[in-house]
Amino acid sequence: MPTTLEYRDGDERAPGMFFLREALDCENLGVTVVDVDPNWTGMDHDHAADDHEEVYVLVGGGAVLTVEGDHYPMKEGTAVRVEPGATRQLVAGDDGATLVVAGAP
C-alpha cells in the first residue's frame, strides 16, 4: 500500500527543508523538499561518509548549485546528479526556489 503525505507535514529540519524519508517509511531512499525564500543559501556539505549520491530537481523558481567550486545554474526542470564525495552548496535565486532532492547509497 502506498504511503502519502503533504510534504510540509514532513520533518522540517531547517526552515524550508522538509525531510520525508521517515514520514514515507522509505528504507533505501532519502527525499527532501527544499522550498526556500529568495537568495537563501544552503550549507556546504558532502555525503562521502555515507556514500550517498543525490539528484537535485528544480520544480519552481531558480537556483545555482555549486559542486566542487563549479557553478551550475538551474532553471525549472533542471536535474543535477552529485556524487557522494563532491562538496555541494545550493543558493536560491531572486524568486526563491522549490526543489526535490532524492538520494540513496
PDB file of N, CA and C in Angstrom:
ATOM      1  N   MET A   1       0.833  -1.175   0.000  1.00  0.00           N
ATOM      2  CA  MET A   1       0.000   0.000   0.000  1.00  0.00           C
ATOM      3  C   MET A   1       0.884   1.247   0.000  1.00  0.00           C
ATOM      4  N   PRO A   2       0.643   2.231  -0.853  1.00  0.00           N
ATOM      5  CA  PRO A   2       1.447   3.457  -0.895  1.00  0.00           C
ATOM      6  C   PRO A   2       1.300   4.272   0.387  1.00  0.00           C
ATOM      7  N   THR A   3       2.330   5.038   0.684  1.00  0.00           N
ATOM      8  CA  THR A   3       2.299   5.989   1.792  1.00  0.00           C
ATOM      9  C   THR A   3       2.239   7.379   1.182  1.00  0.00           C
ATOM     10  N   THR A   4       1.332   8.211   1.668  1.00  0.00           N
ATOM     11  CA  THR A   4       1.196   9.561   1.123  1.00  0.00           C
ATOM     12  C   THR A   4       1.260  10.586   2.245  1.00  0.00           C
ATOM     13  N   LEU A   5       1.705  11.793   1.893  1.00  0.00           N
ATOM     14  CA  LEU A   5       1.637  12.909   2.813  1.00  0.00           C
ATOM     15  C   LEU A   5       1.869  14.193   2.053  1.00  0.00           C
ATOM     16  N   GLU A   6       1.485  15.301   2.628  1.00  0.00           N
ATOM     17  CA  GLU A   6       1.766  16.636   2.132  1.00  0.00           C
ATOM     18  C   GLU A   6       3.192  16.937   2.573  1.00  0.00           C
ATOM     19  N   TYR A   7       4.059  17.354   1.687  1.00  0.00           N
ATOM     20  CA  TYR A   7       5.475  17.478   2.058  1.00  0.00           C
ATOM     21  C   TYR A   7       5.708  18.385   3.249  1.00  0.00           C
ATOM     22  N   ARG A   8       4.881  19.391   3.443  1.00  0.00           N
ATOM     23  CA  ARG A   8       5.053  20.287   4.595  1.00  0.00           C
ATOM     24  C   ARG A   8       4.763  19.583   5.926  1.00  0.00           C
ATOM     25  N   ASP A   9       4.194  18.387   5.866  1.00  0.00           N
ATOM     26  CA  ASP A   9       3.976  17.588   7.073  1.00  0.00           C
ATOM     27  C   ASP A   9       5.181  16.699   7.384  1.00  0.00           C
ATOM     28  N   GLY A  10       6.214  16.766   6.557  1.00  0.00           N
ATOM     29  CA  GLY A  10       7.447  16.024   6.814  1.00  0.00           C
ATOM     30  C   GLY A  10       8.229  16.666   7.947  1.00  0.00           C
ATOM     31  N   ASP A  11       9.417  16.159   8.192  1.00  0.00           N
ATOM     32  CA  ASP A  11      10.281  16.636   9.271  1.00  0.00           C
ATOM     33  C   ASP A  11      11.023  17.884   8.791  1.00  0.00           C
ATOM     34  N   GLU A  12      10.605  19.079   9.248  1.00  0.00           N
ATOM     35  CA  GLU A  12      11.255  20.323   8.830  1.00  0.00           C
ATOM     36  C   GLU A  12      12.507  20.510   9.684  1.00  0.00           C
ATOM     37  N   ARG A  13      13.658  20.119   9.123  1.00  0.00           N
ATOM     38  CA  ARG A  13      14.917  20.146   9.874  1.00  0.00           C
ATOM     39  C   ARG A  13      15.601  21.494   9.855  1.00  0.00           C
ATOM     40  N   ALA A  14      15.238  22.324   8.906  1.00  0.00           N
ATOM     41  CA  ALA A  14      15.703  23.706   8.809  1.00  0.00           C
ATOM     42  C   ALA A  14      14.576  24.456   8.100  1.00  0.00           C
ATOM     43  N   PRO A  15      14.511  25.771   8.251  1.00  0.00           N
ATOM     44  CA  PRO A  15      13.430  26.497   7.587  1.00  0.00           C
ATOM     45  C   PRO A  15      13.378  26.204   6.084  1.00  0.00           C
ATOM     46  N   GLY A  16      12.239  25.678   5.633  1.00  0.00           N
ATOM     47  CA  GLY A  16      12.046  25.388   4.221  1.00  0.00           C
ATOM     48  C   GLY A  16      12.601  24.065   3.741  1.00  0.00           C
ATOM     49  N   MET A  17      13.202  23.257   4.631  1.00  0.00           N
ATOM     50  CA  MET A  17      13.768  21.954   4.239  1.00  0.00           C
ATOM     51  C   MET A  17      12.981  20.832   4.924  1.00  0.00           C
ATOM     52  N   PHE A  18      12.226  20.094   4.128  1.00  0.00           N
ATOM     53  CA  PHE A  18      11.339  19.068   4.639  1.00  0.00           C
ATOM     54  C   PHE A  18      11.878  17.688   4.277  1.00  0.00           C
ATOM     55  N   PHE A  19      12.315  16.936   5.276  1.00  0.00           N
ATOM     56  CA  PHE A  19      12.836  15.591   5.079  1.00  0.00           C
ATOM     57  C   PHE A  19      11.668  14.610   5.153  1.00  0.00           C
ATOM     58  N   LEU A  20      11.564  13.735   4.145  1.00  0.00           N
ATOM     59  CA  LEU A  20      10.389  12.871   4.020  1.00  0.00           C
ATOM     60  C   LEU A  20      10.688  11.390   4.206  1.00  0.00           C
ATOM     61  N   ARG A  21      11.935  11.011   4.361  1.00  0.00           N
ATOM     62  CA  ARG A  21      12.302   9.590   4.434  1.00  0.00           C
ATOM     63  C   ARG A  21      11.479   8.850   5.487  1.00  0.00           C
ATOM     64  N   GLU A  22      11.524   9.314   6.714  1.00  0.00           N
ATOM     65  CA  GLU A  22      10.828   8.617   7.804  1.00  0.00           C
ATOM     66  C   GLU A  22       9.320   8.702   7.650  1.00  0.00           C
ATOM     67  N   ALA A  23       8.816   9.882   7.295  1.00  0.00           N
ATOM     68  CA  ALA A  23       7.371  10.065   7.167  1.00  0.00           C
ATOM     69  C   ALA A  23       6.773   9.161   6.082  1.00  0.00           C
ATOM     70  N   LEU A  24       7.561   8.862   5.046  1.00  0.00           N
ATOM     71  CA  LEU A  24       7.090   7.990   3.964  1.00  0.00           C
ATOM     72  C   LEU A  24       7.520   6.535   4.161  1.00  0.00           C
ATOM     73  N   ASP A  25       8.188   6.231   5.269  1.00  0.00           N
ATOM     74  CA  ASP A  25       8.669   4.877   5.563  1.00  0.00           C
ATOM     75  C   ASP A  25       9.620   4.347   4.491  1.00  0.00           C
ATOM     76  N   CYS A  26      10.471   5.229   3.938  1.00  0.00           N
ATOM     77  CA  CYS A  26      11.448   4.802   2.931  1.00  0.00           C
ATOM     78  C   CYS A  26      12.550   3.990   3.608  1.00  0.00           C
ATOM     79  N   GLU A  27      12.961   2.913   2.972  1.00  0.00           N
ATOM     80  CA  GLU A  27      14.026   2.072   3.513  1.00  0.00           C
ATOM     81  C   GLU A  27      15.380   2.391   2.904  1.00  0.00           C
ATOM     82  N   ASN A  28      15.416   2.766   1.623  1.00  0.00           N
ATOM     83  CA  ASN A  28      16.686   2.953   0.931  1.00  0.00           C
ATOM     84  C   ASN A  28      16.803   4.282   0.196  1.00  0.00           C
ATOM     85  N   LEU A  29      15.855   5.160   0.375  1.00  0.00           N
ATOM     86  CA  LEU A  29      15.819   6.395  -0.399  1.00  0.00           C
ATOM     87  C   LEU A  29      15.530   7.567   0.524  1.00  0.00           C
ATOM     88  N   GLY A  30      16.325   8.609   0.394  1.00  0.00           N
ATOM     89  CA  GLY A  30      16.043   9.854   1.087  1.00  0.00           C
ATOM     90  C   GLY A  30      15.386  10.818   0.125  1.00  0.00           C
ATOM     91  N   VAL A  31      14.376  11.527   0.591  1.00  0.00           N
ATOM     92  CA  VAL A  31      13.683  12.524  -0.225  1.00  0.00           C
ATOM     93  C   VAL A  31      13.525  13.775   0.623  1.00  0.00           C
ATOM     94  N   THR A  32      13.945  14.899   0.067  1.00  0.00           N
ATOM     95  CA  THR A  32      13.830  16.186   0.746  1.00  0.00           C
ATOM     96  C   THR A  32      13.199  17.173  -0.223  1.00  0.00           C
ATOM     97  N   VAL A  33      12.280  17.979   0.274  1.00  0.00           N
ATOM     98  CA  VAL A  33      11.764  19.103  -0.497  1.00  0.00           C
ATOM     99  C   VAL A  33      12.378  20.354   0.096  1.00  0.00           C
ATOM    100  N   VAL A  34      13.007  21.140  -0.759  1.00  0.00           N
ATOM    101  CA  VAL A  34      13.600  22.419  -0.369  1.00  0.00           C
ATOM    102  C   VAL A  34      12.714  23.497  -0.975  1.00  0.00           C
ATOM    103  N   ASP A  35      12.014  24.240  -0.139  1.00  0.00           N
ATOM    104  CA  ASP A  35      11.075  25.278  -0.577  1.00  0.00           C
ATOM    105  C   ASP A  35      11.465  26.551   0.167  1.00  0.00           C
ATOM    106  N   VAL A  36      12.335  27.363  -0.448  1.00  0.00           N
ATOM    107  CA  VAL A  36      13.007  28.435   0.279  1.00  0.00           C
ATOM    108  C   VAL A  36      12.807  29.813  -0.352  1.00  0.00           C
ATOM    109  N   ASP A  37      13.074  30.813   0.471  1.00  0.00           N
ATOM    110  CA  ASP A  37      12.927  32.211   0.097  1.00  0.00           C
ATOM    111  C   ASP A  37      14.021  32.648  -0.871  1.00  0.00           C
ATOM    112  N   PRO A  38      13.812  33.807  -1.506  1.00  0.00           N
ATOM    113  CA  PRO A  38      14.833  34.348  -2.406  1.00  0.00           C
ATOM    114  C   PRO A  38      16.198  34.464  -1.740  1.00  0.00           C
ATOM    115  N   ASN A  39      17.212  34.082  -2.504  1.00  0.00           N
ATOM    116  CA  ASN A  39      18.625  34.219  -2.120  1.00  0.00           C
ATOM    117  C   ASN A  39      19.027  33.412  -0.884  1.00  0.00           C
ATOM    118  N   TRP A  40      18.228  32.432  -0.499  1.00  0.00           N
ATOM    119  CA  TRP A  40      18.579  31.508   0.581  1.00  0.00           C
ATOM    120  C   TRP A  40      19.851  30.766   0.213  1.00  0.00           C
ATOM    121  N   THR A  41      20.713  30.503   1.181  1.00  0.00           N
ATOM    122  CA  THR A  41      21.946  29.774   0.950  1.00  0.00           C
ATOM    123  C   THR A  41      21.991  28.549   1.850  1.00  0.00           C
ATOM    124  N   GLY A  42      22.159  27.386   1.243  1.00  0.00           N
ATOM    125  CA  GLY A  42      22.283  26.140   1.995  1.00  0.00           C
ATOM    126  C   GLY A  42      23.715  25.928   2.454  1.00  0.00           C
ATOM    127  N   MET A  43      23.881  24.932   3.306  1.00  0.00           N
ATOM    128  CA  MET A  43      25.230  24.666   3.827  1.00  0.00           C
ATOM    129  C   MET A  43      26.076  23.930   2.786  1.00  0.00           C
ATOM    130  N   ASP A  44      27.356  24.189   2.837  1.00  0.00           N
ATOM    131  CA  ASP A  44      28.339  23.498   2.005  1.00  0.00           C
ATOM    132  C   ASP A  44      28.580  22.129   2.653  1.00  0.00           C
ATOM    133  N   HIS A  45      28.359  21.039   1.903  1.00  0.00           N
ATOM    134  CA  HIS A  45      28.470  19.705   2.505  1.00  0.00           C
ATOM    135  C   HIS A  45      28.742  18.645   1.450  1.00  0.00           C
ATOM    136  N   ASP A  46      29.066  17.444   1.914  1.00  0.00           N
ATOM    137  CA  ASP A  46      29.169  16.270   1.046  1.00  0.00           C
ATOM    138  C   ASP A  46      28.556  15.088   1.785  1.00  0.00           C
ATOM    139  N   HIS A  47      28.517  13.945   1.104  1.00  0.00           N
ATOM    140  CA  HIS A  47      27.972  12.723   1.696  1.00  0.00           C
ATOM    141  C   HIS A  47      28.960  11.568   1.542  1.00  0.00           C
ATOM    142  N   ALA A  48      30.244  11.895   1.598  1.00  0.00           N
ATOM    143  CA  ALA A  48      31.282  10.868   1.431  1.00  0.00           C
ATOM    144  C   ALA A  48      31.193   9.794   2.509  1.00  0.00           C
ATOM    145  N   ALA A  49      30.921  10.190   3.734  1.00  0.00           N
ATOM    146  CA  ALA A  49      30.920   9.233   4.855  1.00  0.00           C
ATOM    147  C   ALA A  49      29.839   8.169   4.713  1.00  0.00           C
ATOM    148  N   ASP A  50      28.713   8.526   4.092  1.00  0.00           N
ATOM    149  CA  ASP A  50      27.634   7.551   3.958  1.00  0.00           C
ATOM    150  C   ASP A  50      27.428   7.081   2.515  1.00  0.00           C
ATOM    151  N   ASP A  51      28.353   7.447   1.606  1.00  0.00           N
ATOM    152  CA  ASP A  51      28.302   7.018   0.208  1.00  0.00           C
ATOM    153  C   ASP A  51      26.930   7.289  -0.419  1.00  0.00           C
ATOM    154  N   HIS A  52      26.457   8.523  -0.238  1.00  0.00           N
ATOM    155  CA  HIS A  52      25.101   8.923  -0.585  1.00  0.00           C
ATOM    156  C   HIS A  52      25.141   9.876  -1.779  1.00  0.00           C
ATOM    157  N   GLU A  53      24.707   9.412  -2.962  1.00  0.00           N
ATOM    158  CA  GLU A  53      24.608  10.316  -4.097  1.00  0.00           C
ATOM    159  C   GLU A  53      23.257  11.017  -4.047  1.00  0.00           C
ATOM    160  N   GLU A  54      23.168  12.198  -4.662  1.00  0.00           N
ATOM    161  CA  GLU A  54      21.927  12.954  -4.666  1.00  0.00           C
ATOM    162  C   GLU A  54      21.606  13.463  -6.059  1.00  0.00           C
ATOM    163  N   VAL A  55      20.302  13.607  -6.322  1.00  0.00           N
ATOM    164  CA  VAL A  55      19.814  14.252  -7.533  1.00  0.00           C
ATOM    165  C   VAL A  55      18.936  15.413  -7.094  1.00  0.00           C
ATOM    166  N   TYR A  56      19.260  16.604  -7.578  1.00  0.00           N
ATOM    167  CA  TYR A  56      18.512  17.822  -7.301  1.00  0.00           C
ATOM    168  C   TYR A  56      17.654  18.127  -8.525  1.00  0.00           C
ATOM    169  N   VAL A  57      16.341  18.305  -8.343  1.00  0.00           N
ATOM    170  CA  VAL A  57      15.434  18.644  -9.436  1.00  0.00           C
ATOM    171  C   VAL A  57      14.722  19.942  -9.069  1.00  0.00           C
ATOM    172  N   LEU A  58      14.934  20.974  -9.869  1.00  0.00           N
ATOM    173  CA  LEU A  58      14.292  22.261  -9.615  1.00  0.00           C
ATOM    174  C   LEU A  58      12.891  22.240 -10.214  1.00  0.00           C
ATOM    175  N   VAL A  59      11.877  22.450  -9.366  1.00  0.00           N
ATOM    176  CA  VAL A  59      10.492  22.431  -9.836  1.00  0.00           C
ATOM    177  C   VAL A  59       9.849  23.818  -9.817  1.00  0.00           C
ATOM    178  N   GLY A  60      10.520  24.804  -9.240  1.00  0.00           N
ATOM    179  CA  GLY A  60       9.998  26.162  -9.235  1.00  0.00           C
ATOM    180  C   GLY A  60      11.074  27.160  -8.878  1.00  0.00           C
ATOM    181  N   GLY A  61      10.990  28.351  -9.444  1.00  0.00           N
ATOM    182  CA  GLY A  61      11.969  29.396  -9.157  1.00  0.00           C
ATOM    183  C   GLY A  61      13.269  29.174  -9.899  1.00  0.00           C
ATOM    184  N   GLY A  62      14.357  29.555  -9.254  1.00  0.00           N
ATOM    185  CA  GLY A  62      15.678  29.402  -9.845  1.00  0.00           C
ATOM    186  C   GLY A  62      16.700  29.165  -8.748  1.00  0.00           C
ATOM    187  N   ALA A  63      17.845  28.617  -9.126  1.00  0.00           N
ATOM    188  CA  ALA A  63      18.884  28.326  -8.146  1.00  0.00           C
ATOM    189  C   ALA A  63      20.211  28.128  -8.855  1.00  0.00           C
ATOM    190  N   VAL A  64      21.272  28.160  -8.064  1.00  0.00           N
ATOM    191  CA  VAL A  64      22.600  27.784  -8.542  1.00  0.00           C
ATOM    192  C   VAL A  64      23.113  26.723  -7.581  1.00  0.00           C
ATOM    193  N   LEU A  65      23.513  25.592  -8.127  1.00  0.00           N
ATOM    194  CA  LEU A  65      24.133  24.535  -7.341  1.00  0.00           C
ATOM    195  C   LEU A  65      25.629  24.585  -7.621  1.00  0.00           C
ATOM    196  N   THR A  66      26.419  24.761  -6.572  1.00  0.00           N
ATOM    197  CA  THR A  66      27.871  24.772  -6.724  1.00  0.00           C
ATOM    198  C   THR A  66      28.392  23.414  -6.290  1.00  0.00           C
ATOM    199  N   VAL A  67      29.118  22.764  -7.189  1.00  0.00           N
ATOM    200  CA  VAL A  67      29.681  21.437  -6.930  1.00  0.00           C
ATOM    201  C   VAL A  67      31.184  21.515  -7.167  1.00  0.00           C
ATOM    202  N   GLU A  68      31.949  21.251  -6.099  1.00  0.00           N
ATOM    203  CA  GLU A  68      33.412  21.288  -6.185  1.00  0.00           C
ATOM    204  C   GLU A  68      33.905  22.601  -6.790  1.00  0.00           C
ATOM    205  N   GLY A  69      33.232  23.714  -6.445  1.00  0.00           N
ATOM    206  CA  GLY A  69      33.647  25.036  -6.913  1.00  0.00           C
ATOM    207  C   GLY A  69      33.102  25.433  -8.273  1.00  0.00           C
ATOM    208  N   ASP A  70      32.473  24.510  -9.005  1.00  0.00           N
ATOM    209  CA  ASP A  70      31.871  24.831 -10.303  1.00  0.00           C
ATOM    210  C   ASP A  70      30.396  25.160 -10.105  1.00  0.00           C
ATOM    211  N   HIS A  71      29.924  26.220 -10.765  1.00  0.00           N
ATOM    212  CA  HIS A  71      28.556  26.701 -10.606  1.00  0.00           C
ATOM    213  C   HIS A  71      27.663  26.143 -11.707  1.00  0.00           C
ATOM    214  N   TYR A  72      26.504  25.601 -11.306  1.00  0.00           N
ATOM    215  CA  TYR A  72      25.526  25.034 -12.234  1.00  0.00           C
ATOM    216  C   TYR A  72      24.202  25.765 -12.057  1.00  0.00           C
ATOM    217  N   PRO A  73      23.945  26.775 -12.918  1.00  0.00           N
ATOM    218  CA  PRO A  73      22.660  27.475 -12.844  1.00  0.00           C
ATOM    219  C   PRO A  73      21.522  26.502 -13.162  1.00  0.00           C
ATOM    220  N   MET A  74      20.454  26.607 -12.381  1.00  0.00           N
ATOM    221  CA  MET A  74      19.313  25.717 -12.569  1.00  0.00           C
ATOM    222  C   MET A  74      18.069  26.549 -12.868  1.00  0.00           C
ATOM    223  N   LYS A  75      17.337  26.115 -13.876  1.00  0.00           N
ATOM    224  CA  LYS A  75      16.033  26.702 -14.164  1.00  0.00           C
ATOM    225  C   LYS A  75      15.001  25.589 -13.972  1.00  0.00           C
ATOM    226  N   GLU A  76      13.743  25.957 -13.988  1.00  0.00           N
ATOM    227  CA  GLU A  76      12.689  24.972 -13.788  1.00  0.00           C
ATOM    228  C   GLU A  76      12.876  23.783 -14.726  1.00  0.00           C
ATOM    229  N   GLY A  77      12.878  22.593 -14.149  1.00  0.00           N
ATOM    230  CA  GLY A  77      13.031  21.365 -14.934  1.00  0.00           C
ATOM    231  C   GLY A  77      14.449  20.821 -14.961  1.00  0.00           C
ATOM    232  N   THR A  78      15.430  21.587 -14.482  1.00  0.00           N
ATOM    233  CA  THR A  78      16.809  21.124 -14.477  1.00  0.00           C
ATOM    234  C   THR A  78      17.016  20.074 -13.385  1.00  0.00           C
ATOM    235  N   ALA A  79      17.745  19.008 -13.729  1.00  0.00           N
ATOM    236  CA  ALA A  79      18.133  17.977 -12.765  1.00  0.00           C
ATOM    237  C   ALA A  79      19.647  17.860 -12.768  1.00  0.00           C
ATOM    238  N   VAL A  80      20.240  17.750 -11.571  1.00  0.00           N
ATOM    239  CA  VAL A  80      21.692  17.616 -11.441  1.00  0.00           C
ATOM    240  C   VAL A  80      21.985  16.477 -10.474  1.00  0.00           C
ATOM    241  N   ARG A  81      22.819  15.524 -10.904  1.00  0.00           N
ATOM    242  CA  ARG A  81      23.275  14.442 -10.037  1.00  0.00           C
ATOM    243  C   ARG A  81      24.622  14.825  -9.449  1.00  0.00           C
ATOM    244  N   VAL A  82      24.794  14.567  -8.133  1.00  0.00           N
ATOM    245  CA  VAL A  82      26.043  14.871  -7.453  1.00  0.00           C
ATOM    246  C   VAL A  82      26.545  13.600  -6.783  1.00  0.00           C
ATOM    247  N   GLU A  83      27.809  13.248  -7.073  1.00  0.00           N
ATOM    248  CA  GLU A  83      28.393  12.033  -6.480  1.00  0.00           C
ATOM    249  C   GLU A  83      28.633  12.237  -4.990  1.00  0.00           C
ATOM    250  N   PRO A  84      28.738  11.164  -4.221  1.00  0.00           N
ATOM    251  CA  PRO A  84      28.815  11.261  -2.763  1.00  0.00           C
ATOM    252  C   PRO A  84      29.935  12.148  -2.228  1.00  0.00           C
ATOM    253  N   GLY A  85      31.143  12.057  -2.752  1.00  0.00           N
ATOM    254  CA  GLY A  85      32.283  12.772  -2.191  1.00  0.00           C
ATOM    255  C   GLY A  85      32.417  14.214  -2.614  1.00  0.00           C
ATOM    256  N   ALA A  86      31.586  14.666  -3.537  1.00  0.00           N
ATOM    257  CA  ALA A  86      31.688  16.036  -4.037  1.00  0.00           C
ATOM    258  C   ALA A  86      31.012  17.010  -3.074  1.00  0.00           C
ATOM    259  N   THR A  87      31.696  18.109  -2.773  1.00  0.00           N
ATOM    260  CA  THR A  87      31.068  19.136  -1.950  1.00  0.00           C
ATOM    261  C   THR A  87      30.063  19.896  -2.796  1.00  0.00           C
ATOM    262  N   ARG A  88      28.965  20.273  -2.148  1.00  0.00           N
ATOM    263  CA  ARG A  88      27.896  20.959  -2.862  1.00  0.00           C
ATOM    264  C   ARG A  88      27.283  22.024  -1.977  1.00  0.00           C
ATOM    265  N   GLN A  89      26.763  23.067  -2.622  1.00  0.00           N
ATOM    266  CA  GLN A  89      26.056  24.128  -1.915  1.00  0.00           C
ATOM    267  C   GLN A  89      25.008  24.699  -2.856  1.00  0.00           C
ATOM    268  N   LEU A  90      23.817  24.888  -2.340  1.00  0.00           N
ATOM    269  CA  LEU A  90      22.691  25.383  -3.115  1.00  0.00           C
ATOM    270  C   LEU A  90      22.378  26.815  -2.702  1.00  0.00           C
ATOM    271  N   VAL A  91      22.154  27.680  -3.698  1.00  0.00           N
ATOM    272  CA  VAL A  91      21.733  29.054  -3.446  1.00  0.00           C
ATOM    273  C   VAL A  91      20.492  29.320  -4.286  1.00  0.00           C
ATOM    274  N   ALA A  92      19.413  29.763  -3.622  1.00  0.00           N
ATOM    275  CA  ALA A  92      18.177  30.084  -4.331  1.00  0.00           C
ATOM    276  C   ALA A  92      18.341  31.384  -5.109  1.00  0.00           C
ATOM    277  N   GLY A  93      17.567  31.502  -6.179  1.00  0.00           N
ATOM    278  CA  GLY A  93      17.590  32.700  -6.996  1.00  0.00           C
ATOM    279  C   GLY A  93      16.762  33.817  -6.397  1.00  0.00           C
ATOM    280  N   ASP A  94      16.611  34.890  -7.169  1.00  0.00           N
ATOM    281  CA  ASP A  94      15.891  36.081  -6.714  1.00  0.00           C
ATOM    282  C   ASP A  94      14.407  35.838  -6.455  1.00  0.00           C
ATOM    283  N   ASP A  95      13.846  34.765  -7.014  1.00  0.00           N
ATOM    284  CA  ASP A  95      12.439  34.440  -6.809  1.00  0.00           C
ATOM    285  C   ASP A  95      12.245  33.288  -5.833  1.00  0.00           C
ATOM    286  N   GLY A  96      13.302  32.866  -5.161  1.00  0.00           N
ATOM    287  CA  GLY A  96      13.220  31.691  -4.303  1.00  0.00           C
ATOM    288  C   GLY A  96      13.379  30.419  -5.136  1.00  0.00           C
ATOM    289  N   ALA A  97      13.192  29.277  -4.496  1.00  0.00           N
ATOM    290  CA  ALA A  97      13.363  28.019  -5.216  1.00  0.00           C
ATOM    291  C   ALA A  97      12.585  26.909  -4.518  1.00  0.00           C
ATOM    292  N   THR A  98      12.083  25.993  -5.332  1.00  0.00           N
ATOM    293  CA  THR A  98      11.493  24.760  -4.823  1.00  0.00           C
ATOM    294  C   THR A  98      12.165  23.613  -5.566  1.00  0.00           C
ATOM    295  N   LEU A  99      12.791  22.720  -4.794  1.00  0.00           N
ATOM    296  CA  LEU A  99      13.484  21.573  -5.373  1.00  0.00           C
ATOM    297  C   LEU A  99      13.051  20.305  -4.681  1.00  0.00           C
ATOM    298  N   VAL A 100      13.141  19.211  -5.412  1.00  0.00           N
ATOM    299  CA  VAL A 100      13.030  17.886  -4.824  1.00  0.00           C
ATOM    300  C   VAL A 100      14.427  17.282  -4.901  1.00  0.00           C
ATOM    301  N   VAL A 101      14.918  16.813  -3.758  1.00  0.00           N
ATOM    302  CA  VAL A 101      16.241  16.198  -3.692  1.00  0.00           C
ATOM    303  C   VAL A 101      16.047  14.745  -3.300  1.00  0.00           C
ATOM    304  N   ALA A 102      16.536  13.841  -4.140  1.00  0.00           N
ATOM    305  CA  ALA A 102      16.456  12.408  -3.854  1.00  0.00           C
ATOM    306  C   ALA A 102      17.869  11.875  -3.713  1.00  0.00           C
ATOM    307  N   GLY A 103      18.071  11.008  -2.728  1.00  0.00           N
ATOM    308  CA  GLY A 103      19.390  10.465  -2.512  1.00  0.00           C
ATOM    309  C   GLY A 103      19.329   9.050  -1.974  1.00  0.00           C
ATOM    310  N   ALA A 104      20.368   8.311  -2.280  1.00  0.00           N
ATOM    311  CA  ALA A 104      20.462   6.921  -1.816  1.00  0.00           C
ATOM    312  C   ALA A 104      21.910   6.473  -1.869  1.00  0.00           C
ATOM    313  N   PRO A 105      22.223   5.490  -1.020  1.00  0.00           N
ATOM    314  CA  PRO A 105      23.588   4.923  -1.112  1.00  0.00           C
ATOM    315  C   PRO A 105      23.736   4.081  -2.363  1.00  0.00           C
TER     316      PRO A 105
END
